[in-house]
């Protein structure tokens, strides 16, 4: 969601993308991390980001109630991701309607 490139790790000899090390580094600077969430450009989310996050949103395990069992902080991040993605969907739906209304007025 924040556009940070993942690292690459080998798991059983297979190269796999890995966000864990980058995530830990980002969370260690918690004030800056929280600020990046608060100031997230939600009106201008790139389609590539929504495309990458969609599999997580469709995962039955990606729900705040389940994630809360592992981490209260992760639960909050899960809620944030879901809310931002819902905002994006609604924003893209109403923007053309707002433009049409402004033109009609």
Protein backbone atom coordinates (compact mmCIF):
# COMPACT_ATOMS: atom_id res chain seq x y z
CA UNK A 1 0.00 0.00 0.00
CA UNK A 2 2.88 2.37 0.73
CA UNK A 3 4.80 1.52 -2.45
CA UNK A 4 7.80 -0.02 -0.73
CA UNK A 5 9.59 -2.62 -2.83
CA UNK A 6 9.90 -6.08 -1.27
CA UNK A 7 13.11 -7.95 -0.72
CA UNK A 8 13.81 -11.33 -2.30
CA UNK A 9 14.44 -14.42 -0.17
CA UNK A 10 15.01 -18.05 -1.03
CA UNK A 11 12.58 -20.52 0.49
CA UNK A 12 13.41 -24.14 -0.32
CA UNK A 13 15.59 -22.91 -3.16
CA UNK A 14 12.81 -20.80 -4.70
CA UNK A 15 13.10 -17.01 -4.86
CA UNK A 16 10.11 -15.37 -3.20
CA UNK A 17 9.17 -11.76 -2.56
CA UNK A 18 9.40 -10.85 1.10
CA UNK A 19 8.02 -7.76 2.80
CA UNK A 20 8.90 -8.78 6.36
CA UNK A 21 12.34 -7.14 6.69
CA UNK A 22 11.10 -3.94 5.05
CA UNK A 23 8.01 -3.98 7.28
CA UNK A 24 10.07 -4.36 10.45
CA UNK A 25 12.31 -1.46 9.43
CA UNK A 26 9.30 0.72 8.68
CA UNK A 27 7.53 -0.11 11.95
CA UNK A 28 10.71 0.58 13.94
CA UNK A 29 10.27 4.19 12.84
CA UNK A 30 6.73 4.13 14.19
CA UNK A 31 6.12 7.90 14.27
CA UNK A 32 7.00 8.21 10.59
CA UNK A 33 4.97 5.06 9.80
CA UNK A 34 1.85 6.40 11.53
CA UNK A 35 2.28 9.72 9.77
CA UNK A 36 2.48 7.92 6.40
CA UNK A 37 -0.84 6.20 7.16
CA UNK A 38 -2.49 9.43 8.29
CA UNK A 39 -1.31 11.31 5.20
CA UNK A 40 -1.92 8.51 2.73
CA UNK A 41 -3.02 9.92 -0.67
CA UNK A 42 -6.35 8.05 -0.64
CA UNK A 43 -7.82 10.11 -3.47
CA UNK A 44 -5.02 9.03 -5.80
CA UNK A 45 -4.32 5.32 -5.23
CA UNK A 46 -2.57 3.79 -8.21
CA UNK A 47 -4.49 0.91 -9.85
CA UNK A 48 -1.35 -1.26 -9.53
CA UNK A 49 -1.56 -1.00 -5.75
CA UNK A 50 -5.23 -2.02 -5.70
CA UNK A 51 -4.39 -4.89 -8.05
CA UNK A 52 -1.60 -6.11 -5.74
CA UNK A 53 -3.70 -5.83 -2.57
CA UNK A 54 -6.86 -7.47 -3.97
CA UNK A 55 -5.73 -11.08 -3.28
CA UNK A 56 -5.26 -10.15 0.39
CA UNK A 57 -8.69 -8.57 0.56
CA UNK A 58 -10.21 -11.75 -0.86
CA UNK A 59 -8.33 -13.98 1.58
CA UNK A 60 -10.74 -15.28 4.26
CA UNK A 61 -7.93 -14.99 6.81
CA UNK A 62 -7.55 -11.25 6.14
CA UNK A 63 -10.22 -10.10 8.56
CA UNK A 64 -9.57 -8.01 11.65
CA UNK A 65 -11.11 -10.57 14.02
CA UNK A 66 -8.73 -13.31 12.93
CA UNK A 67 -5.69 -11.06 12.71
CA UNK A 68 -6.36 -9.68 16.21
CA UNK A 69 -5.57 -13.11 17.62
CA UNK A 70 -1.99 -12.71 16.39
CA UNK A 71 -1.42 -8.99 16.89
CA UNK A 72 -3.45 -5.99 17.98
CA UNK A 73 -1.26 -3.72 15.84
CA UNK A 74 -1.75 -5.94 12.79
CA UNK A 75 -5.51 -5.81 13.39
CA UNK A 76 -5.38 -2.02 13.17
CA UNK A 77 -3.35 -2.14 9.97
CA UNK A 78 -5.79 -4.68 8.52
CA UNK A 79 -8.71 -2.34 9.31
CA UNK A 80 -6.82 0.56 7.74
CA UNK A 81 -6.12 -1.38 4.52
CA UNK A 82 -9.75 -2.48 4.22
CA UNK A 83 -11.03 1.06 4.87
CA UNK A 84 -8.65 2.65 2.36
CA UNK A 85 -9.62 0.13 -0.32
CA UNK A 86 -13.34 0.69 0.33
CA UNK A 87 -12.75 4.44 0.15
CA UNK A 88 -10.98 4.00 -3.18
CA UNK A 89 -13.87 2.01 -4.61
CA UNK A 90 -16.49 4.56 -3.49
CA UNK A 91 -14.33 7.52 -4.51
CA UNK A 92 -13.90 6.16 -8.04
CA UNK A 93 -17.64 5.57 -8.27
CA UNK A 94 -18.75 9.02 -7.12
CA UNK A 95 -16.09 11.17 -8.81
CA UNK A 96 -17.71 11.01 -12.29
CA UNK A 97 -21.06 11.79 -10.66
CA UNK A 98 -19.58 14.83 -8.93
CA UNK A 99 -18.12 16.05 -12.20
CA UNK A 100 -21.45 15.57 -13.98
CA UNK A 101 -23.25 17.43 -11.20
CA UNK A 102 -20.81 20.34 -11.37
CA UNK A 103 -21.28 20.54 -15.15
CA UNK A 104 -25.06 20.40 -14.80
CA UNK A 105 -25.07 23.19 -12.24
